[in-house]
Amino acid sequence: MRIVAGTARGKRILTLEGREITRPTTEKVREAVFGSLQFEIPDSKVLDLFAGSGAMGIEALSRGAASAVFVDNDRNVVGVIRKNLESTGFTDRAKVIQADYMTVIRGMKDSFGYIFLDPPYKSGYYDDCLTAIYENGIIEPDGKIVVEHDGTLKLEDRWPVIKEKRYGKIYITYLYGER
C-alpha cells in the first residue's frame, strides 16, 4: 500500500498481516476522499480514529494537514502506525495514542477540522462514537467527519449527512461538524 499524493507520494506504508486485525482503506478510496477534500485539508487538524495502518491520517499529513492524532487500541497496530510515520517523515506533526476510542474522545481537549472514523464494520461502535464526538465538541463547527462503512448503516436517520459515495463494497459518508 502506498501514499497516493502530496509530499510522501508513492511511499509504502506497512499494514498488519491478516484482515481480521485491520482493514486498510484502499488507495482508490483514499484518492477519492482526498480529491473531494483537497482544498480543505491544508493546515487542518486531523483525528484518525480506529487508525489501523494510519493511512488516512498520513495521507492528510502528506497533503498539508498541520497535525494528526492517531488512535487505536491494539499495541501492534500502534507500532505499525509509528513505523509508518517514521518512514514518511511525519513524526513531528503526529501524536499516536494507544487507548480505547471512547476514553480518548471523552478526554480530548482539542477539536479537529477532520475526523476519519473507520471502526470494524460489524462492531456497533458508530452511533456511540458519533454521539461522543458531537457531545464532547471535538469536531469544529465547520469541520467534517468522514465515515467508512459497508453500506448497512443508515446514518442520515440520525446524523447531519452532507453526502455519501460508494466505491465497490465500501461506502464513505461525510457528516457536518455541526449537528
N, C-alpha and C. Protein backbone atom coordinates (compact mmCIF):
# COMPACT_ATOMS: atom_id res chain seq x y z
N MET A 1 0.85 -1.18 0.00
CA MET A 1 0.00 0.00 0.00
C MET A 1 0.89 1.23 0.00
N ARG A 2 0.47 2.26 -0.74
CA ARG A 2 1.27 3.48 -0.88
C ARG A 2 0.44 4.72 -0.56
N ILE A 3 1.15 5.80 -0.24
CA ILE A 3 0.52 7.11 -0.09
C ILE A 3 0.22 7.62 -1.49
N VAL A 4 -0.96 8.15 -1.70
CA VAL A 4 -1.44 8.50 -3.04
C VAL A 4 -0.85 9.81 -3.56
N ALA A 5 -0.80 10.85 -2.72
CA ALA A 5 -0.38 12.16 -3.22
C ALA A 5 0.28 12.97 -2.12
N GLY A 6 0.83 14.11 -2.50
CA GLY A 6 1.45 15.02 -1.55
C GLY A 6 2.93 14.76 -1.39
N THR A 7 3.48 15.26 -0.29
CA THR A 7 4.93 15.20 -0.07
C THR A 7 5.45 13.78 0.13
N ALA A 8 4.61 12.86 0.56
CA ALA A 8 5.02 11.46 0.75
C ALA A 8 4.50 10.56 -0.36
N ARG A 9 4.08 11.15 -1.46
CA ARG A 9 3.51 10.39 -2.57
C ARG A 9 4.41 9.23 -2.97
N GLY A 10 3.77 8.05 -3.11
CA GLY A 10 4.48 6.86 -3.56
C GLY A 10 5.18 6.09 -2.46
N LYS A 11 5.28 6.65 -1.26
CA LYS A 11 5.95 5.93 -0.17
C LYS A 11 5.06 4.78 0.30
N ARG A 12 5.70 3.66 0.52
CA ARG A 12 4.99 2.48 1.01
C ARG A 12 4.70 2.62 2.50
N ILE A 13 3.53 2.14 2.90
CA ILE A 13 3.21 2.07 4.32
C ILE A 13 2.89 0.62 4.67
N LEU A 14 3.23 0.28 5.89
CA LEU A 14 3.03 -1.08 6.38
C LEU A 14 1.59 -1.29 6.85
N THR A 15 1.14 -2.52 6.77
CA THR A 15 -0.13 -2.93 7.37
C THR A 15 0.14 -4.24 8.10
N LEU A 16 -0.68 -4.57 9.06
CA LEU A 16 -0.54 -5.85 9.75
C LEU A 16 -1.11 -6.95 8.89
N GLU A 17 -0.49 -8.09 8.96
CA GLU A 17 -0.99 -9.27 8.25
C GLU A 17 -2.33 -9.69 8.84
N GLY A 18 -3.21 -10.14 8.00
CA GLY A 18 -4.49 -10.65 8.47
C GLY A 18 -5.55 -9.56 8.47
N ARG A 19 -6.53 -9.65 7.63
CA ARG A 19 -7.54 -8.61 7.50
C ARG A 19 -8.51 -8.57 8.68
N GLU A 20 -8.44 -9.59 9.58
CA GLU A 20 -9.29 -9.52 10.76
C GLU A 20 -8.73 -8.51 11.77
N ILE A 21 -7.46 -8.16 11.63
CA ILE A 21 -6.84 -7.20 12.54
C ILE A 21 -7.13 -5.78 12.07
N THR A 22 -6.79 -5.51 10.83
CA THR A 22 -7.07 -4.19 10.25
C THR A 22 -7.61 -4.37 8.85
N ARG A 23 -8.32 -3.38 8.38
CA ARG A 23 -8.88 -3.37 7.04
C ARG A 23 -8.46 -2.03 6.43
N PRO A 24 -7.27 -1.97 5.85
CA PRO A 24 -6.78 -0.68 5.35
C PRO A 24 -7.69 -0.09 4.28
N THR A 25 -7.88 1.22 4.35
CA THR A 25 -8.64 1.93 3.32
C THR A 25 -7.84 1.87 2.03
N THR A 26 -8.46 1.43 0.97
CA THR A 26 -7.76 1.24 -0.29
C THR A 26 -7.27 2.56 -0.88
N GLU A 27 -6.26 2.47 -1.74
CA GLU A 27 -5.73 3.66 -2.40
C GLU A 27 -6.82 4.36 -3.21
N LYS A 28 -7.66 3.58 -3.89
CA LYS A 28 -8.74 4.16 -4.69
C LYS A 28 -9.68 5.00 -3.84
N VAL A 29 -10.06 4.48 -2.67
CA VAL A 29 -10.97 5.20 -1.79
C VAL A 29 -10.28 6.43 -1.21
N ARG A 30 -9.03 6.28 -0.76
CA ARG A 30 -8.30 7.44 -0.22
C ARG A 30 -8.16 8.55 -1.27
N GLU A 31 -7.86 8.14 -2.50
CA GLU A 31 -7.73 9.13 -3.58
C GLU A 31 -9.04 9.88 -3.79
N ALA A 32 -10.15 9.18 -3.76
CA ALA A 32 -11.46 9.82 -3.94
C ALA A 32 -11.79 10.74 -2.76
N VAL A 33 -11.57 10.27 -1.54
CA VAL A 33 -11.87 11.09 -0.36
C VAL A 33 -11.04 12.37 -0.38
N PHE A 34 -9.75 12.23 -0.56
CA PHE A 34 -8.89 13.41 -0.51
C PHE A 34 -9.02 14.28 -1.76
N GLY A 35 -9.48 13.70 -2.85
CA GLY A 35 -9.79 14.52 -4.01
C GLY A 35 -10.93 15.49 -3.71
N SER A 36 -11.90 15.04 -2.93
CA SER A 36 -13.04 15.91 -2.58
C SER A 36 -12.69 16.89 -1.47
N LEU A 37 -11.64 16.61 -0.71
CA LEU A 37 -11.25 17.49 0.41
C LEU A 37 -9.95 18.25 0.14
N GLN A 38 -9.40 18.13 -1.06
CA GLN A 38 -8.05 18.61 -1.33
C GLN A 38 -7.79 20.07 -0.98
N PHE A 39 -8.77 20.93 -1.12
CA PHE A 39 -8.54 22.34 -0.83
C PHE A 39 -8.83 22.69 0.62
N GLU A 40 -9.38 21.74 1.37
CA GLU A 40 -9.74 21.98 2.76
C GLU A 40 -8.70 21.42 3.74
N ILE A 41 -7.99 20.39 3.36
CA ILE A 41 -7.07 19.69 4.27
C ILE A 41 -5.86 20.53 4.68
N PRO A 42 -5.24 21.32 3.78
CA PRO A 42 -4.04 22.04 4.20
C PRO A 42 -4.28 22.87 5.47
N ASP A 43 -3.33 22.77 6.41
CA ASP A 43 -3.32 23.49 7.69
C ASP A 43 -4.39 23.03 8.67
N SER A 44 -5.08 21.96 8.39
CA SER A 44 -6.13 21.48 9.30
C SER A 44 -5.55 20.54 10.36
N LYS A 45 -6.33 20.32 11.40
CA LYS A 45 -6.01 19.33 12.43
C LYS A 45 -6.90 18.12 12.19
N VAL A 46 -6.30 16.93 12.21
CA VAL A 46 -6.98 15.69 11.83
C VAL A 46 -6.94 14.68 12.98
N LEU A 47 -8.04 13.98 13.16
CA LEU A 47 -8.11 12.86 14.09
C LEU A 47 -8.44 11.61 13.30
N ASP A 48 -7.60 10.59 13.41
CA ASP A 48 -7.79 9.32 12.73
C ASP A 48 -8.15 8.28 13.79
N LEU A 49 -9.45 8.02 13.98
CA LEU A 49 -9.94 7.06 14.97
C LEU A 49 -9.99 5.66 14.37
N PHE A 50 -9.64 4.66 15.17
CA PHE A 50 -9.53 3.29 14.69
C PHE A 50 -8.53 3.31 13.52
N ALA A 51 -7.36 3.86 13.78
CA ALA A 51 -6.42 4.26 12.73
C ALA A 51 -5.84 3.12 11.91
N GLY A 52 -5.76 1.92 12.44
CA GLY A 52 -5.21 0.82 11.65
C GLY A 52 -3.79 1.10 11.23
N SER A 53 -3.52 1.18 9.95
CA SER A 53 -2.18 1.48 9.44
C SER A 53 -1.84 2.96 9.56
N GLY A 54 -2.86 3.79 9.80
CA GLY A 54 -2.66 5.23 9.83
C GLY A 54 -2.76 5.87 8.46
N ALA A 55 -3.21 5.12 7.47
CA ALA A 55 -3.22 5.59 6.08
C ALA A 55 -4.00 6.89 5.89
N MET A 56 -5.15 7.02 6.51
CA MET A 56 -5.95 8.23 6.31
C MET A 56 -5.25 9.46 6.90
N GLY A 57 -4.79 9.35 8.12
CA GLY A 57 -4.10 10.47 8.74
C GLY A 57 -2.79 10.82 8.05
N ILE A 58 -2.05 9.81 7.63
CA ILE A 58 -0.79 10.04 6.93
C ILE A 58 -1.06 10.68 5.57
N GLU A 59 -2.10 10.24 4.90
CA GLU A 59 -2.48 10.86 3.62
C GLU A 59 -2.79 12.34 3.84
N ALA A 60 -3.50 12.66 4.93
CA ALA A 60 -3.82 14.06 5.24
C ALA A 60 -2.55 14.86 5.51
N LEU A 61 -1.62 14.29 6.28
CA LEU A 61 -0.35 14.98 6.54
C LEU A 61 0.43 15.20 5.24
N SER A 62 0.43 14.20 4.39
CA SER A 62 1.13 14.31 3.11
C SER A 62 0.56 15.43 2.24
N ARG A 63 -0.73 15.69 2.42
CA ARG A 63 -1.41 16.72 1.64
C ARG A 63 -1.50 18.06 2.37
N GLY A 64 -0.73 18.21 3.45
CA GLY A 64 -0.60 19.52 4.08
C GLY A 64 -1.32 19.76 5.38
N ALA A 65 -1.94 18.73 5.97
CA ALA A 65 -2.56 18.92 7.28
C ALA A 65 -1.49 19.37 8.28
N ALA A 66 -1.87 20.26 9.18
CA ALA A 66 -0.92 20.78 10.16
C ALA A 66 -0.52 19.71 11.16
N SER A 67 -1.48 18.88 11.57
CA SER A 67 -1.19 17.84 12.56
C SER A 67 -2.23 16.73 12.47
N ALA A 68 -1.86 15.59 13.05
CA ALA A 68 -2.78 14.46 13.08
C ALA A 68 -2.60 13.68 14.37
N VAL A 69 -3.71 13.23 14.92
CA VAL A 69 -3.71 12.35 16.08
C VAL A 69 -4.26 11.01 15.61
N PHE A 70 -3.54 9.95 15.94
CA PHE A 70 -3.90 8.60 15.54
C PHE A 70 -4.30 7.82 16.79
N VAL A 71 -5.45 7.17 16.76
CA VAL A 71 -5.95 6.42 17.92
C VAL A 71 -6.25 4.98 17.51
N ASP A 72 -5.68 4.05 18.25
CA ASP A 72 -6.03 2.65 18.09
C ASP A 72 -5.77 1.96 19.42
N ASN A 73 -6.52 0.93 19.70
CA ASN A 73 -6.44 0.22 20.97
C ASN A 73 -5.40 -0.89 20.97
N ASP A 74 -5.00 -1.35 19.80
CA ASP A 74 -4.11 -2.50 19.67
C ASP A 74 -2.64 -2.07 19.66
N ARG A 75 -1.86 -2.65 20.55
CA ARG A 75 -0.43 -2.30 20.68
C ARG A 75 0.34 -2.55 19.38
N ASN A 76 0.07 -3.67 18.72
CA ASN A 76 0.77 -3.98 17.47
C ASN A 76 0.42 -2.99 16.37
N VAL A 77 -0.84 -2.60 16.31
CA VAL A 77 -1.28 -1.62 15.31
C VAL A 77 -0.60 -0.28 15.56
N VAL A 78 -0.53 0.12 16.81
CA VAL A 78 0.12 1.39 17.16
C VAL A 78 1.59 1.35 16.73
N GLY A 79 2.25 0.21 16.89
CA GLY A 79 3.63 0.07 16.43
C GLY A 79 3.76 0.28 14.93
N VAL A 80 2.81 -0.26 14.17
CA VAL A 80 2.81 -0.08 12.71
C VAL A 80 2.61 1.39 12.35
N ILE A 81 1.70 2.06 13.03
CA ILE A 81 1.47 3.49 12.77
C ILE A 81 2.76 4.28 13.01
N ARG A 82 3.42 4.01 14.12
CA ARG A 82 4.68 4.73 14.42
C ARG A 82 5.73 4.49 13.36
N LYS A 83 5.86 3.25 12.89
CA LYS A 83 6.81 2.95 11.82
C LYS A 83 6.44 3.70 10.54
N ASN A 84 5.15 3.74 10.22
CA ASN A 84 4.71 4.45 9.01
C ASN A 84 4.97 5.95 9.11
N LEU A 85 4.78 6.50 10.29
CA LEU A 85 5.07 7.93 10.48
C LEU A 85 6.56 8.21 10.34
N GLU A 86 7.39 7.32 10.87
CA GLU A 86 8.85 7.49 10.72
C GLU A 86 9.26 7.40 9.26
N SER A 87 8.75 6.42 8.55
CA SER A 87 9.17 6.23 7.15
C SER A 87 8.68 7.35 6.23
N THR A 88 7.59 8.00 6.60
CA THR A 88 7.09 9.11 5.78
C THR A 88 7.58 10.47 6.26
N GLY A 89 8.23 10.49 7.42
CA GLY A 89 8.80 11.73 7.93
C GLY A 89 7.82 12.66 8.63
N PHE A 90 6.74 12.11 9.17
CA PHE A 90 5.71 12.96 9.78
C PHE A 90 5.63 12.85 11.30
N THR A 91 6.62 12.29 11.95
CA THR A 91 6.55 12.11 13.40
C THR A 91 6.43 13.44 14.14
N ASP A 92 6.98 14.49 13.59
CA ASP A 92 6.95 15.80 14.27
C ASP A 92 5.57 16.45 14.24
N ARG A 93 4.69 16.00 13.36
CA ARG A 93 3.35 16.59 13.25
C ARG A 93 2.26 15.61 13.68
N ALA A 94 2.68 14.53 14.35
CA ALA A 94 1.73 13.47 14.69
C ALA A 94 1.82 13.08 16.15
N LYS A 95 0.70 12.61 16.66
CA LYS A 95 0.63 12.04 18.01
C LYS A 95 -0.10 10.72 17.88
N VAL A 96 0.43 9.67 18.49
CA VAL A 96 -0.17 8.34 18.43
C VAL A 96 -0.61 7.96 19.84
N ILE A 97 -1.87 7.57 19.96
CA ILE A 97 -2.44 7.21 21.26
C ILE A 97 -2.94 5.78 21.21
N GLN A 98 -2.45 4.96 22.14
CA GLN A 98 -2.96 3.59 22.27
C GLN A 98 -3.97 3.60 23.41
N ALA A 99 -5.23 3.57 23.07
CA ALA A 99 -6.29 3.61 24.07
C ALA A 99 -7.62 3.31 23.40
N ASP A 100 -8.61 3.05 24.23
CA ASP A 100 -9.97 2.86 23.77
C ASP A 100 -10.50 4.18 23.19
N TYR A 101 -11.21 4.11 22.09
CA TYR A 101 -11.70 5.30 21.42
C TYR A 101 -12.54 6.19 22.33
N MET A 102 -13.39 5.60 23.15
CA MET A 102 -14.28 6.39 23.99
C MET A 102 -13.50 7.15 25.06
N THR A 103 -12.49 6.52 25.63
CA THR A 103 -11.63 7.18 26.61
C THR A 103 -10.95 8.40 25.97
N VAL A 104 -10.47 8.23 24.76
CA VAL A 104 -9.79 9.32 24.06
C VAL A 104 -10.77 10.45 23.76
N ILE A 105 -11.91 10.13 23.20
CA ILE A 105 -12.89 11.17 22.85
C ILE A 105 -13.31 11.95 24.08
N ARG A 106 -13.63 11.25 25.15
CA ARG A 106 -14.09 11.92 26.37
C ARG A 106 -13.00 12.77 27.03
N GLY A 107 -11.74 12.39 26.85
CA GLY A 107 -10.64 13.12 27.47
C GLY A 107 -9.99 14.15 26.57
N MET A 108 -10.42 14.22 25.31
CA MET A 108 -9.79 15.11 24.34
C MET A 108 -10.12 16.58 24.64
N LYS A 109 -9.09 17.39 24.66
CA LYS A 109 -9.26 18.83 24.90
C LYS A 109 -9.24 19.62 23.59
N ASP A 110 -8.69 19.04 22.55
CA ASP A 110 -8.60 19.70 21.25
C ASP A 110 -9.86 19.45 20.42
N SER A 111 -10.03 20.27 19.40
CA SER A 111 -11.06 20.00 18.40
C SER A 111 -10.35 19.87 17.05
N PHE A 112 -11.02 19.23 16.11
CA PHE A 112 -10.40 18.88 14.83
C PHE A 112 -11.25 19.37 13.67
N GLY A 113 -10.58 19.69 12.59
CA GLY A 113 -11.27 20.06 11.36
C GLY A 113 -11.81 18.84 10.64
N TYR A 114 -11.10 17.70 10.80
CA TYR A 114 -11.50 16.47 10.12
C TYR A 114 -11.29 15.29 11.04
N ILE A 115 -12.31 14.46 11.11
CA ILE A 115 -12.22 13.21 11.86
C ILE A 115 -12.51 12.08 10.90
N PHE A 116 -11.58 11.14 10.80
CA PHE A 116 -11.75 9.95 9.99
C PHE A 116 -12.16 8.81 10.92
N LEU A 117 -13.31 8.23 10.65
CA LEU A 117 -13.90 7.22 11.53
C LEU A 117 -14.09 5.93 10.74
N ASP A 118 -13.37 4.89 11.16
CA ASP A 118 -13.41 3.62 10.44
C ASP A 118 -13.31 2.44 11.42
N PRO A 119 -14.32 2.27 12.29
CA PRO A 119 -14.28 1.11 13.20
C PRO A 119 -14.58 -0.17 12.44
N PRO A 120 -14.35 -1.31 13.08
CA PRO A 120 -14.77 -2.57 12.43
C PRO A 120 -16.24 -2.47 12.04
N TYR A 121 -16.55 -2.86 10.83
CA TYR A 121 -17.89 -2.66 10.27
C TYR A 121 -19.01 -3.20 11.15
N LYS A 122 -18.85 -4.37 11.69
CA LYS A 122 -19.93 -5.00 12.46
C LYS A 122 -19.82 -4.74 13.96
N SER A 123 -19.01 -3.76 14.35
CA SER A 123 -18.72 -3.52 15.76
C SER A 123 -19.87 -2.87 16.53
N GLY A 124 -20.71 -2.12 15.84
CA GLY A 124 -21.75 -1.38 16.54
C GLY A 124 -21.23 -0.11 17.21
N TYR A 125 -20.01 0.30 16.92
CA TYR A 125 -19.40 1.48 17.55
C TYR A 125 -19.84 2.81 16.93
N TYR A 126 -20.41 2.79 15.76
CA TYR A 126 -20.67 4.03 15.01
C TYR A 126 -21.50 5.04 15.80
N ASP A 127 -22.68 4.66 16.26
CA ASP A 127 -23.55 5.62 16.95
C ASP A 127 -22.93 6.14 18.24
N ASP A 128 -22.36 5.24 19.04
CA ASP A 128 -21.72 5.68 20.29
C ASP A 128 -20.58 6.65 20.01
N CYS A 129 -19.80 6.33 19.01
CA CYS A 129 -18.65 7.16 18.65
C CYS A 129 -19.10 8.54 18.16
N LEU A 130 -20.07 8.57 17.27
CA LEU A 130 -20.56 9.85 16.74
C LEU A 130 -21.23 10.67 17.84
N THR A 131 -22.00 10.04 18.69
CA THR A 131 -22.62 10.75 19.80
C THR A 131 -21.54 11.40 20.67
N ALA A 132 -20.51 10.66 21.01
CA ALA A 132 -19.43 11.19 21.85
C ALA A 132 -18.67 12.32 21.16
N ILE A 133 -18.43 12.19 19.86
CA ILE A 133 -17.73 13.25 19.11
C ILE A 133 -18.51 14.56 19.20
N TYR A 134 -19.81 14.50 18.92
CA TYR A 134 -20.62 15.73 18.95
C TYR A 134 -20.81 16.24 20.38
N GLU A 135 -21.10 15.37 21.32
CA GLU A 135 -21.34 15.81 22.69
C GLU A 135 -20.10 16.41 23.34
N ASN A 136 -18.92 15.91 22.98
CA ASN A 136 -17.68 16.40 23.57
C ASN A 136 -17.05 17.54 22.77
N GLY A 137 -17.68 17.94 21.67
CA GLY A 137 -17.23 19.09 20.91
C GLY A 137 -15.84 18.97 20.32
N ILE A 138 -15.45 17.76 19.89
CA ILE A 138 -14.11 17.62 19.35
C ILE A 138 -14.04 17.82 17.83
N ILE A 139 -15.20 18.05 17.20
CA ILE A 139 -15.22 18.40 15.78
C ILE A 139 -15.55 19.88 15.68
N GLU A 140 -14.78 20.61 14.89
CA GLU A 140 -15.04 22.03 14.72
C GLU A 140 -16.36 22.22 13.98
N PRO A 141 -17.10 23.30 14.26
CA PRO A 141 -18.41 23.51 13.64
C PRO A 141 -18.37 23.47 12.11
N ASP A 142 -17.28 23.94 11.51
CA ASP A 142 -17.17 23.91 10.05
C ASP A 142 -16.37 22.71 9.55
N GLY A 143 -16.08 21.77 10.46
CA GLY A 143 -15.32 20.58 10.10
C GLY A 143 -16.19 19.50 9.49
N LYS A 144 -15.57 18.36 9.21
CA LYS A 144 -16.29 17.22 8.63
C LYS A 144 -15.83 15.94 9.28
N ILE A 145 -16.77 15.03 9.43
CA ILE A 145 -16.47 13.66 9.86
C ILE A 145 -16.63 12.77 8.63
N VAL A 146 -15.60 11.99 8.36
CA VAL A 146 -15.61 11.10 7.20
C VAL A 146 -15.71 9.67 7.73
N VAL A 147 -16.84 9.02 7.43
CA VAL A 147 -17.15 7.71 7.99
C VAL A 147 -17.06 6.65 6.89
N GLU A 148 -16.23 5.63 7.14
CA GLU A 148 -16.16 4.50 6.22
C GLU A 148 -17.00 3.36 6.79
N HIS A 149 -17.83 2.74 5.93
CA HIS A 149 -18.70 1.64 6.39
C HIS A 149 -19.07 0.75 5.22
N ASP A 150 -19.85 -0.27 5.51
CA ASP A 150 -20.19 -1.27 4.49
C ASP A 150 -21.54 -1.03 3.81
N GLY A 151 -22.17 0.09 4.08
CA GLY A 151 -23.44 0.41 3.43
C GLY A 151 -24.67 -0.02 4.20
N THR A 152 -24.50 -0.81 5.24
CA THR A 152 -25.67 -1.24 6.01
C THR A 152 -26.12 -0.16 7.00
N LEU A 153 -25.27 0.82 7.26
CA LEU A 153 -25.64 1.92 8.16
C LEU A 153 -26.55 2.90 7.44
N LYS A 154 -27.49 3.44 8.15
CA LYS A 154 -28.35 4.50 7.61
C LYS A 154 -28.09 5.74 8.46
N LEU A 155 -26.96 6.37 8.21
CA LEU A 155 -26.51 7.50 9.02
C LEU A 155 -27.41 8.72 8.89
N GLU A 156 -28.06 8.87 7.74
CA GLU A 156 -28.91 10.06 7.53
C GLU A 156 -30.11 10.08 8.47
N ASP A 157 -30.43 8.96 9.07
CA ASP A 157 -31.56 8.91 10.01
C ASP A 157 -31.27 9.67 11.31
N ARG A 158 -30.00 9.76 11.70
CA ARG A 158 -29.64 10.38 12.99
C ARG A 158 -28.59 11.47 12.90
N TRP A 159 -27.86 11.54 11.80
CA TRP A 159 -26.70 12.41 11.74
C TRP A 159 -26.78 13.38 10.56
N PRO A 160 -26.08 14.53 10.65
CA PRO A 160 -26.15 15.55 9.60
C PRO A 160 -25.29 15.19 8.37
N VAL A 161 -25.83 14.38 7.51
CA VAL A 161 -25.10 13.88 6.33
C VAL A 161 -25.00 14.97 5.26
N ILE A 162 -23.78 15.12 4.74
CA ILE A 162 -23.54 16.01 3.60
C ILE A 162 -23.75 15.22 2.30
N LYS A 163 -23.06 14.09 2.22
CA LYS A 163 -23.18 13.23 1.03
C LYS A 163 -22.64 11.85 1.37
N GLU A 164 -22.99 10.90 0.51
CA GLU A 164 -22.49 9.54 0.65
C GLU A 164 -22.06 9.05 -0.72
N LYS A 165 -20.92 8.38 -0.77
CA LYS A 165 -20.40 7.83 -2.02
C LYS A 165 -20.10 6.35 -1.83
N ARG A 166 -20.27 5.61 -2.90
CA ARG A 166 -20.00 4.17 -2.88
C ARG A 166 -18.82 3.86 -3.79
N TYR A 167 -17.90 3.03 -3.27
CA TYR A 167 -16.73 2.58 -4.03
C TYR A 167 -16.69 1.05 -3.90
N GLY A 168 -17.37 0.36 -4.80
CA GLY A 168 -17.48 -1.09 -4.69
C GLY A 168 -18.29 -1.44 -3.45
N LYS A 169 -17.68 -2.18 -2.52
CA LYS A 169 -18.36 -2.58 -1.29
C LYS A 169 -18.17 -1.57 -0.15
N ILE A 170 -17.39 -0.53 -0.40
CA ILE A 170 -17.08 0.47 0.63
C ILE A 170 -17.92 1.72 0.42
N TYR A 171 -18.49 2.22 1.50
CA TYR A 171 -19.25 3.47 1.47
C TYR A 171 -18.51 4.50 2.31
N ILE A 172 -18.50 5.74 1.82
CA ILE A 172 -17.94 6.86 2.57
C ILE A 172 -19.08 7.87 2.74
N THR A 173 -19.35 8.19 3.99
CA THR A 173 -20.37 9.19 4.31
C THR A 173 -19.70 10.37 4.98
N TYR A 174 -19.99 11.57 4.48
CA TYR A 174 -19.44 12.81 5.02
C TYR A 174 -20.51 13.46 5.90
N LEU A 175 -20.13 13.81 7.12
CA LEU A 175 -21.04 14.45 8.05
C LEU A 175 -20.56 15.86 8.37
N TYR A 176 -21.52 16.77 8.59
CA TYR A 176 -21.20 18.13 9.01
C TYR A 176 -20.62 18.13 10.42
N GLY A 177 -19.77 19.10 10.71
CA GLY A 177 -19.22 19.27 12.04
C GLY A 177 -20.25 19.74 13.05
N GLU A 178 -21.24 20.47 12.58
CA GLU A 178 -22.30 20.93 13.46
C GLU A 178 -23.51 20.02 13.31
N ARG A 179 -24.06 19.66 14.42
CA ARG A 179 -25.20 18.73 14.39
C ARG A 179 -26.50 19.45 14.23
